Structures are given as structure tokens and as C-alpha cells.
Amino acid sequence: MYLKKFMSNTPGRVKAPHNLSFSWSLKHNIFYSRRWFFSDTLQLLGGGNAKMATIRLDVLEKTILSEHRSLISIYDEIAQSIKDIAKDFRRLRVIGVVGCGDSYFSAIYFSYILRKLTNIVALSENAYEMYIHGPRRLDLLIAISASGETRATVDCARWAKKNNIMVVGVTCRRNSSLAEISDKIIYIPLEDRVAVPTVTSLGFFTALSLLALEIGFRAGNISEDDYRELSRRHRALVSSLTCMVGHTYLELIDSLIKKLSVHERNILYFLGGDSQYASALMAMAKFRELRILHSIAFELEEFMHYGSIPLRDDIVFIFVNKETLERGVDAADLV
């Protein structure tokens, strides 16, 4: 059993979520794309309604290595649209956040961030579970789908409208069913060029962290000074993604893969605390989509709840931020 601890070194301040998970999204995207695993191509089964496809890993890697530029180029556009939408969000008490697959993991991420910043209740659910078993008294439903056509997510948005709940659609397609149903749209002008979602997920993490910040400010839970500082840091963090795709970082990833003999392992465990749990889930999904290795994601406390686990030929990755560093060390000691 091998252990690798991933820790954010972003400086923290007061009670706000500076160690935002979308930086980890880019890191594990690079990790799983490296070709030390198998050949130059992989057969994969994509999420949603996708069919079996063959993907060239060199194309996937080039896509991942360029996605930070796409995000930076549209950052101001996304930030301004979210500010405009959030002007009406002043009396929110309970928010539902839904999606499927990667979009559901983005919903989980948003709920963690919003709870840190505000007193608003954020319920993150798979879209199907929300409209089948969810509460009928939500102040807002945020529905997330890159295509805007995910059946369960669109059905959930329709359910919300029937129950007089305002719907904010987060999507990459303006002319989609979700966009048509939604009262307001957060449009992310990004599109994955390969069958494995990467850049759209990165865009969702970025936009939703901005949305949580705006809602917190409008709700009066964040002072104007903190709002300005957090906005500045958020933008700086997105700009810093450029540093993660340099030649040195790729060499580090390659070295790690070879050192741990990743392709010879049985299972990859991804553990995450706080909002980093969403990063762990996203990493798990990427390895499953590429059918590289069986992968499992745990919330840190859930993993530790079961006591010492005899892991021999497995690898454990631990995602933590400043707030969850101590718990991450405890988990490392456990395995």
C-alpha cells in the first residue's frame, strides 16, 4: 500500500473557503491523462447517455493542458453574469442543488462552500432523488448540466417550476431544455472536446464558488471588505492555474505514476474532507470513465469511521485544505 498526500498551500484567512477545489480538478485531470498506464488509446464509457467510444490519450492530455486558458479567457464574463443574477438573491433560506455525475459532484462542492460563507441551508442531491424525495419548500433550485439535456436534471427543474420554486440553470448550452425551463441561466461557454468531461467540470467549480460568494455577500454574511478580498483571491487563483501545467509539473506526475506502479494496483482510494470531498469524487469518476482502475471515494470521517483497513496493493490519495489538514493526517496514520 502506498500513500500520497495532496495538500493545498494557498494561504487562508478567517472563515472563507480560499482553498477552492477547482484547482485540484485540473491536477487530477492531468494525472489520469498521462500515458504510463496503458497504450495510446482507451475504450471508455462516458457518463449520461454516452456510448462506448475510443479516445486518444494524447488528445485528452492536450485538451486538459489547454483548458486553463479557456477558463481564464471567459472568467470576467462568467463573474459579471453571476453578479447580475445574484442581485435578486436576498432572502434565501433553503437552496437545493442538483445534477448527475460530475454535475452532482459540483453540486456537493457548492453546498460545502455556501455553508461556509452563509447561514443558508444548501441541500445537494442527485437530481432524481431531489424531485422524487426532496422538500417542496425550497427558495431556489440550482440545476447543473453541461449539455442541458440530462433527463433527471431537466425533470427536476420542471418539478421545481410546478412547485413555484425559482430555478437557476447552470449549463454550457444556451439552447437547451434546461436553459428553456430555468428562470435564470449561468451560461458557461465551455465544451469538452473529448468524451471525458474535464473543462466543463472545472468551469462549474469556478462558477459555483463565485455564486456562493455572491450569495453570501447579498445575504449580509460577508462584509464588503472581505467580499472584495475574496473576489481578488478567487481571480488570482484561477490565473495561477497556468503554473500547474508546466513541464516540471508533468515530470512530477510521471514520476509519481512510475514510482507507485499505479497500473499494477487493485484499487485507488480517494479521500476528501470538506469541499475537497467533491475533488475526491471527481477523481474517482475520471478513473472509472477511462476504465483504468477501480476507484472508490470516501469522505475523510467516513473512511476513518471504519477503523484500520488492511490495504496492501492499493493506493490512497488524500485531498485536504487548511481546515481539514489535521483530519487528513489522522487518515494517513490510519492506513
Protein backbone atom coordinates (compact mmCIF):
# COMPACT_ATOMS: atom_id res chain seq x y z
CA MET A 1 0.00 0.00 0.00
CA TYR A 2 1.29 3.43 -0.91
CA LEU A 3 0.11 6.80 0.30
CA LYS A 4 0.32 10.19 -1.35
CA LYS A 5 -0.98 13.27 0.46
CA PHE A 6 -2.20 16.21 -1.61
CA MET A 7 -2.36 19.45 0.34
CA SER A 8 -3.23 22.99 -0.71
CA ASN A 9 -0.68 25.66 0.15
CA THR A 10 -2.98 28.57 -0.55
CA PRO A 11 -2.82 30.95 2.45
CA GLY A 12 -6.01 31.02 4.48
CA ARG A 13 -7.88 33.82 6.14
CA VAL A 14 -10.84 33.98 8.54
CA LYS A 15 -13.81 31.79 7.74
CA ALA A 16 -13.83 31.76 3.96
CA PRO A 17 -13.08 28.87 1.57
CA HIS A 18 -9.86 30.05 -0.04
CA ASN A 19 -8.59 26.57 -0.86
CA LEU A 20 -11.07 26.16 -3.68
CA SER A 21 -11.39 22.69 -5.14
CA PHE A 22 -11.31 23.62 -8.81
CA SER A 23 -7.52 23.82 -8.65
CA TRP A 24 -7.50 20.13 -7.71
CA SER A 25 -9.82 19.40 -10.60
CA LEU A 26 -7.13 20.44 -13.04
CA LYS A 27 -4.45 18.50 -11.15
CA HIS A 28 -6.19 15.13 -11.18
CA ASN A 29 -7.26 15.69 -14.80
CA ILE A 30 -3.58 15.90 -15.71
CA PHE A 31 -2.82 12.87 -13.55
CA TYR A 32 -5.21 10.44 -15.18
CA SER A 33 -4.34 11.56 -18.71
CA ARG A 34 -0.67 10.55 -18.51
CA ARG A 35 0.05 7.60 -20.80
CA TRP A 36 2.15 5.50 -18.44
CA PHE A 37 -0.94 3.42 -17.72
CA PHE A 38 -1.59 1.57 -20.96
CA SER A 39 -1.35 2.24 -24.68
CA ASP A 40 -2.03 5.48 -26.55
CA THR A 41 -5.78 4.84 -26.72
CA LEU A 42 -8.51 3.71 -24.34
CA GLN A 43 -12.02 2.40 -24.71
CA LEU A 44 -14.35 4.24 -22.40
CA LEU A 45 -17.97 4.51 -21.47
CA GLY A 46 -18.94 8.11 -20.89
CA GLY A 47 -21.49 9.41 -18.43
CA GLY A 48 -25.15 10.13 -19.06
CA ASN A 49 -26.33 8.77 -22.40
CA ALA A 50 -22.86 8.48 -23.94
CA LYS A 51 -21.96 5.33 -25.88
CA MET A 52 -18.74 3.37 -25.94
CA ALA A 53 -16.01 5.37 -27.63
CA THR A 54 -12.30 5.22 -28.34
CA ILE A 55 -10.23 8.11 -27.10
CA ARG A 56 -6.64 9.06 -27.88
CA LEU A 57 -4.86 9.94 -24.67
CA ASP A 58 -2.57 12.44 -26.37
CA VAL A 59 -5.65 14.40 -27.48
CA LEU A 60 -7.11 14.18 -23.98
CA GLU A 61 -3.87 15.41 -22.45
CA LYS A 62 -3.56 18.35 -24.85
CA THR A 63 -7.15 19.29 -24.05
CA ILE A 64 -6.51 19.24 -20.31
CA LEU A 65 -3.28 21.21 -20.65
CA SER A 66 -5.08 23.98 -22.54
CA GLU A 67 -8.29 24.17 -20.50
CA HIS A 68 -6.92 26.72 -18.04
CA ARG A 69 -6.53 29.22 -20.89
CA SER A 70 -10.14 28.70 -21.92
CA LEU A 71 -11.32 29.29 -18.36
CA ILE A 72 -9.20 32.41 -17.86
CA SER A 73 -10.45 33.90 -21.13
CA ILE A 74 -14.11 33.73 -20.05
CA TYR A 75 -13.67 34.40 -16.34
CA ASP A 76 -14.78 38.04 -16.38
CA GLU A 77 -17.85 37.17 -18.46
CA ILE A 78 -18.93 34.47 -16.03
CA ALA A 79 -18.24 36.63 -12.97
CA GLN A 80 -20.33 39.51 -14.31
CA SER A 81 -23.27 37.29 -15.24
CA ILE A 82 -23.29 35.78 -11.75
CA LYS A 83 -23.26 39.24 -10.17
CA ASP A 84 -26.27 40.21 -12.27
CA ILE A 85 -28.17 37.05 -11.35
CA ALA A 86 -27.36 37.28 -7.64
CA LYS A 87 -28.92 40.73 -7.28
CA ASP A 88 -32.28 39.06 -6.64
CA PHE A 89 -30.94 36.65 -4.00
CA ARG A 90 -31.51 38.46 -0.71
CA ARG A 91 -33.94 36.31 1.24
CA LEU A 92 -32.78 32.78 0.65
CA ARG A 93 -33.13 30.25 3.45
CA VAL A 94 -33.03 26.83 1.76
CA ILE A 95 -31.38 26.09 -1.59
CA GLY A 96 -31.50 22.80 -3.48
CA VAL A 97 -28.55 22.00 -5.75
CA VAL A 98 -28.81 19.10 -8.18
CA GLY A 99 -27.03 17.36 -11.00
CA CYS A 100 -25.94 13.94 -12.22
CA GLY A 101 -22.42 12.56 -12.47
CA ASP A 102 -19.79 15.31 -12.47
CA SER A 103 -22.54 17.91 -12.18
CA TYR A 104 -23.71 16.25 -8.97
CA PHE A 105 -20.17 16.44 -7.59
CA SER A 106 -20.17 20.14 -8.48
CA ALA A 107 -23.42 20.47 -6.51
CA ILE A 108 -21.78 18.86 -3.47
CA TYR A 109 -18.87 21.27 -3.78
CA PHE A 110 -21.21 24.26 -3.92
CA SER A 111 -23.12 23.14 -0.82
CA TYR A 112 -19.89 22.94 1.20
CA ILE A 113 -18.74 26.38 0.09
CA LEU A 114 -22.12 28.02 0.66
CA ARG A 115 -22.43 26.61 4.18
CA LYS A 116 -19.03 28.07 5.00
CA LEU A 117 -19.97 31.51 3.79
CA THR A 118 -23.60 31.84 4.86
CA ASN A 119 -26.36 30.70 7.20
CA ILE A 120 -28.30 29.36 4.23
CA VAL A 121 -29.15 25.68 4.09
CA ALA A 122 -27.80 24.05 0.92
CA LEU A 123 -29.13 20.59 0.03
CA SER A 124 -27.08 18.82 -2.64
CA GLU A 125 -28.76 15.78 -4.18
CA ASN A 126 -28.72 13.68 -7.28
CA ALA A 127 -31.35 15.30 -9.49
CA TYR A 128 -33.61 12.24 -9.46
CA GLU A 129 -33.55 11.96 -5.68
CA MET A 130 -34.42 15.63 -5.28
CA TYR A 131 -37.62 15.62 -7.28
CA ILE A 132 -38.72 12.20 -6.04
CA HIS A 133 -37.98 12.67 -2.33
CA GLY A 134 -36.93 16.30 -1.93
CA PRO A 135 -38.62 19.04 0.10
CA ARG A 136 -41.41 21.02 -1.53
CA ARG A 137 -40.39 24.25 0.17
CA LEU A 138 -37.18 25.43 -1.43
CA ASP A 139 -36.43 29.09 -2.05
CA LEU A 140 -34.22 28.26 -5.01
CA LEU A 141 -33.16 25.27 -7.09
CA ILE A 142 -29.80 25.29 -8.84
CA ALA A 143 -29.81 22.69 -11.63
CA ILE A 144 -26.45 21.78 -13.18
CA SER A 145 -25.98 20.06 -16.54
CA ALA A 146 -23.27 20.70 -19.13
CA SER A 147 -25.47 19.59 -22.01
CA GLY A 148 -28.64 21.00 -20.50
CA GLU A 149 -30.36 17.79 -21.59
CA THR A 150 -29.67 15.39 -18.70
CA ARG A 151 -33.09 13.84 -18.24
CA ALA A 152 -33.21 13.68 -14.44
CA THR A 153 -31.89 17.24 -14.10
CA VAL A 154 -34.39 18.64 -16.61
CA ASP A 155 -37.22 16.72 -14.90
CA CYS A 156 -36.13 18.14 -11.55
CA ALA A 157 -36.21 21.67 -12.97
CA ARG A 158 -39.75 21.04 -14.25
CA TRP A 159 -40.73 19.71 -10.83
CA ALA A 160 -39.39 22.88 -9.19
CA LYS A 161 -41.32 25.11 -11.57
CA LYS A 162 -44.55 23.24 -10.80
CA ASN A 163 -43.91 23.89 -7.12
CA ASN A 164 -43.27 27.61 -7.70
CA ILE A 165 -39.56 27.31 -6.94
CA MET A 166 -37.19 29.62 -8.77
CA VAL A 167 -34.77 27.68 -11.00
CA VAL A 168 -31.23 28.73 -11.88
CA GLY A 169 -29.79 26.58 -14.63
CA VAL A 170 -26.03 26.14 -14.89
CA THR A 171 -25.20 24.86 -18.35
CA CYS A 172 -22.83 25.08 -21.29
CA ARG A 173 -25.62 25.32 -23.87
CA ARG A 174 -27.93 28.27 -24.21
CA ASN A 175 -30.39 26.48 -26.49
CA SER A 176 -31.04 23.53 -24.21
CA SER A 177 -34.07 22.18 -22.40
CA LEU A 178 -32.66 23.25 -19.04
CA ALA A 179 -31.99 26.77 -20.27
CA GLU A 180 -35.54 27.00 -21.59
CA ILE A 181 -37.07 25.92 -18.30
CA SER A 182 -34.85 27.98 -16.00
CA ASP A 183 -35.80 31.41 -14.66
CA LYS A 184 -32.14 32.44 -14.77
CA ILE A 185 -29.15 30.93 -16.54
CA ILE A 186 -25.49 30.80 -15.64
CA TYR A 187 -24.01 30.11 -19.04
CA ILE A 188 -20.54 28.56 -19.10
CA PRO A 189 -19.20 28.91 -22.68
CA LEU A 190 -17.00 25.84 -22.50
CA GLU A 191 -17.23 22.49 -24.26
CA ASP A 192 -15.33 19.26 -23.77
CA ARG A 193 -13.60 18.19 -26.97
CA VAL A 194 -13.27 14.60 -25.78
CA ALA A 195 -15.77 12.13 -24.33
CA VAL A 196 -14.46 12.57 -20.77
CA PRO A 197 -15.72 15.75 -19.08
CA THR A 198 -12.82 17.88 -17.83
CA VAL A 199 -13.00 21.55 -18.77
CA THR A 200 -16.75 21.82 -18.15
CA SER A 201 -16.30 20.45 -14.63
CA LEU A 202 -13.53 22.95 -14.00
CA GLY A 203 -15.84 25.70 -15.24
CA PHE A 204 -18.65 24.57 -12.93
CA PHE A 205 -16.39 24.57 -9.86
CA THR A 206 -15.22 28.07 -10.74
CA ALA A 207 -18.69 29.50 -11.40
CA LEU A 208 -20.30 27.89 -8.36
CA SER A 209 -17.65 29.17 -5.99
CA LEU A 210 -18.28 32.66 -7.40
CA LEU A 211 -22.03 32.16 -6.97
CA ALA A 212 -21.58 31.12 -3.32
CA LEU A 213 -19.50 34.24 -2.74
CA GLU A 214 -22.13 36.50 -4.31
CA ILE A 215 -24.98 34.88 -2.36
CA GLY A 216 -23.05 35.25 0.88
CA PHE A 217 -22.41 38.91 0.20
CA ARG A 218 -26.04 39.61 -0.75
CA ALA A 219 -27.24 37.76 2.36
CA GLY A 220 -25.12 40.00 4.57
CA ASN A 221 -22.90 37.16 5.79
CA ILE A 222 -19.78 38.59 4.16
CA SER A 223 -18.56 42.13 4.78
CA GLU A 224 -17.77 44.36 1.84
CA ASP A 225 -14.05 44.30 2.65
CA ASP A 226 -13.98 40.51 2.84
CA TYR A 227 -16.03 40.29 -0.35
CA ARG A 228 -13.52 42.39 -2.25
CA GLU A 229 -10.57 40.45 -0.87
CA LEU A 230 -12.12 37.07 -1.58
CA SER A 231 -13.06 38.15 -5.09
CA ARG A 232 -9.48 39.23 -5.71
CA ARG A 233 -8.11 35.95 -4.37
CA HIS A 234 -10.57 33.95 -6.40
CA ARG A 235 -9.46 35.58 -9.61
CA ALA A 236 -5.80 35.21 -8.66
CA LEU A 237 -6.30 31.50 -8.01
CA VAL A 238 -7.85 30.97 -11.42
CA SER A 239 -4.95 32.83 -13.03
CA SER A 240 -2.50 30.67 -11.10
CA LEU A 241 -3.78 27.52 -12.82
CA THR A 242 -1.22 28.31 -15.52
CA CYS A 243 1.51 27.26 -13.09
CA MET A 244 0.05 23.74 -12.82
CA VAL A 245 0.62 22.74 -16.43
CA GLY A 246 4.31 23.47 -16.78
CA HIS A 247 6.89 20.90 -17.80
CA THR A 248 8.10 20.44 -14.22
CA TYR A 249 4.63 19.55 -13.01
CA LEU A 250 4.19 16.96 -15.77
CA GLU A 251 7.50 15.39 -14.82
CA LEU A 252 6.30 15.18 -11.22
CA ILE A 253 3.11 13.39 -12.30
CA ASP A 254 5.01 10.96 -14.50
CA SER A 255 7.48 10.25 -11.70
CA LEU A 256 4.66 9.61 -9.25
CA ILE A 257 2.86 7.22 -11.58
CA LYS A 258 6.01 5.19 -12.23
CA LYS A 259 7.15 5.22 -8.61
CA LEU A 260 3.82 3.92 -7.34
CA SER A 261 3.35 1.48 -10.24
CA VAL A 262 -0.22 2.74 -10.43
CA HIS A 263 -1.23 0.38 -13.24
CA GLU A 264 -0.33 -2.65 -11.08
CA ARG A 265 -2.60 -1.69 -8.18
CA ASN A 266 -6.02 -3.13 -7.45
CA ILE A 267 -7.95 -0.11 -6.21
CA LEU A 268 -7.43 3.63 -5.90
CA TYR A 269 -8.96 5.24 -2.83
CA PHE A 270 -9.68 8.97 -2.94
CA LEU A 271 -10.37 10.65 0.39
CA GLY A 272 -11.50 14.24 0.80
CA GLY A 273 -12.56 16.43 3.66
CA ASP A 274 -14.81 19.47 3.46
CA SER A 275 -15.16 20.78 -0.11
CA GLN A 276 -12.25 18.55 -1.12
CA TYR A 277 -14.64 15.62 -0.88
CA ALA A 278 -16.02 16.84 -4.21
CA SER A 279 -12.48 16.67 -5.63
CA ALA A 280 -12.16 13.09 -4.41
CA LEU A 281 -15.45 12.18 -6.09
CA MET A 282 -14.38 13.84 -9.33
CA ALA A 283 -11.05 11.99 -9.35
CA MET A 284 -12.85 8.70 -8.75
CA ALA A 285 -15.19 9.39 -11.66
CA LYS A 286 -12.37 10.13 -14.10
CA PHE A 287 -10.60 6.84 -13.43
CA ARG A 288 -13.87 4.97 -13.78
CA GLU A 289 -14.80 6.71 -17.01
CA LEU A 290 -11.46 5.84 -18.54
CA ARG A 291 -11.79 2.29 -17.20
CA ILE A 292 -8.22 2.46 -15.94
CA LEU A 293 -8.62 1.17 -12.39
CA HIS A 294 -11.39 0.55 -9.92
CA SER A 295 -11.67 3.63 -7.73
CA ILE A 296 -13.58 4.49 -4.58
CA ALA A 297 -14.17 7.89 -2.94
CA PHE A 298 -14.76 8.46 0.77
CA GLU A 299 -15.35 11.48 2.94
CA LEU A 300 -12.45 11.60 5.40
CA GLU A 301 -14.51 10.97 8.53
CA GLU A 302 -16.44 8.14 6.88
CA PHE A 303 -13.21 6.42 5.93
CA MET A 304 -11.84 6.73 9.46
CA HIS A 305 -15.13 5.59 10.99
CA TYR A 306 -14.43 2.00 9.96
CA GLY A 307 -11.11 1.85 11.75
CA SER A 308 -7.93 0.37 10.37
CA ILE A 309 -8.42 -1.13 6.90
CA PRO A 310 -5.89 -3.72 5.65
CA LEU A 311 -4.80 -2.15 2.36
CA ARG A 312 -1.95 -3.97 0.62
CA ASP A 313 -1.83 -3.34 -3.11
CA ASP A 314 -4.00 -0.24 -3.12
CA ILE A 315 -3.14 3.45 -3.24
CA VAL A 316 -4.77 6.11 -1.10
CA PHE A 317 -4.90 9.76 -2.19
CA ILE A 318 -5.94 12.31 0.41
CA PHE A 319 -7.29 15.72 -0.63
CA VAL A 320 -7.26 18.32 2.14
CA ASN A 321 -7.29 22.05 2.64
CA LYS A 322 -6.23 24.15 5.61
CA GLU A 323 -9.35 23.29 7.60
CA THR A 324 -9.05 19.52 7.06
CA LEU A 325 -5.28 19.07 7.25
CA GLU A 326 -5.39 17.56 10.75
CA ARG A 327 -8.07 15.06 9.73
CA GLY A 328 -6.02 14.19 6.66
CA VAL A 329 -3.01 13.40 8.83
CA ASP A 330 -5.21 11.18 11.02
CA ALA A 331 -6.38 9.30 7.93
CA ALA A 332 -2.80 8.89 6.77
CA ASP A 333 -1.87 7.42 10.14
CA LEU A 334 -4.82 5.05 9.93
CA VAL A 335 -3.75 3.49 6.64
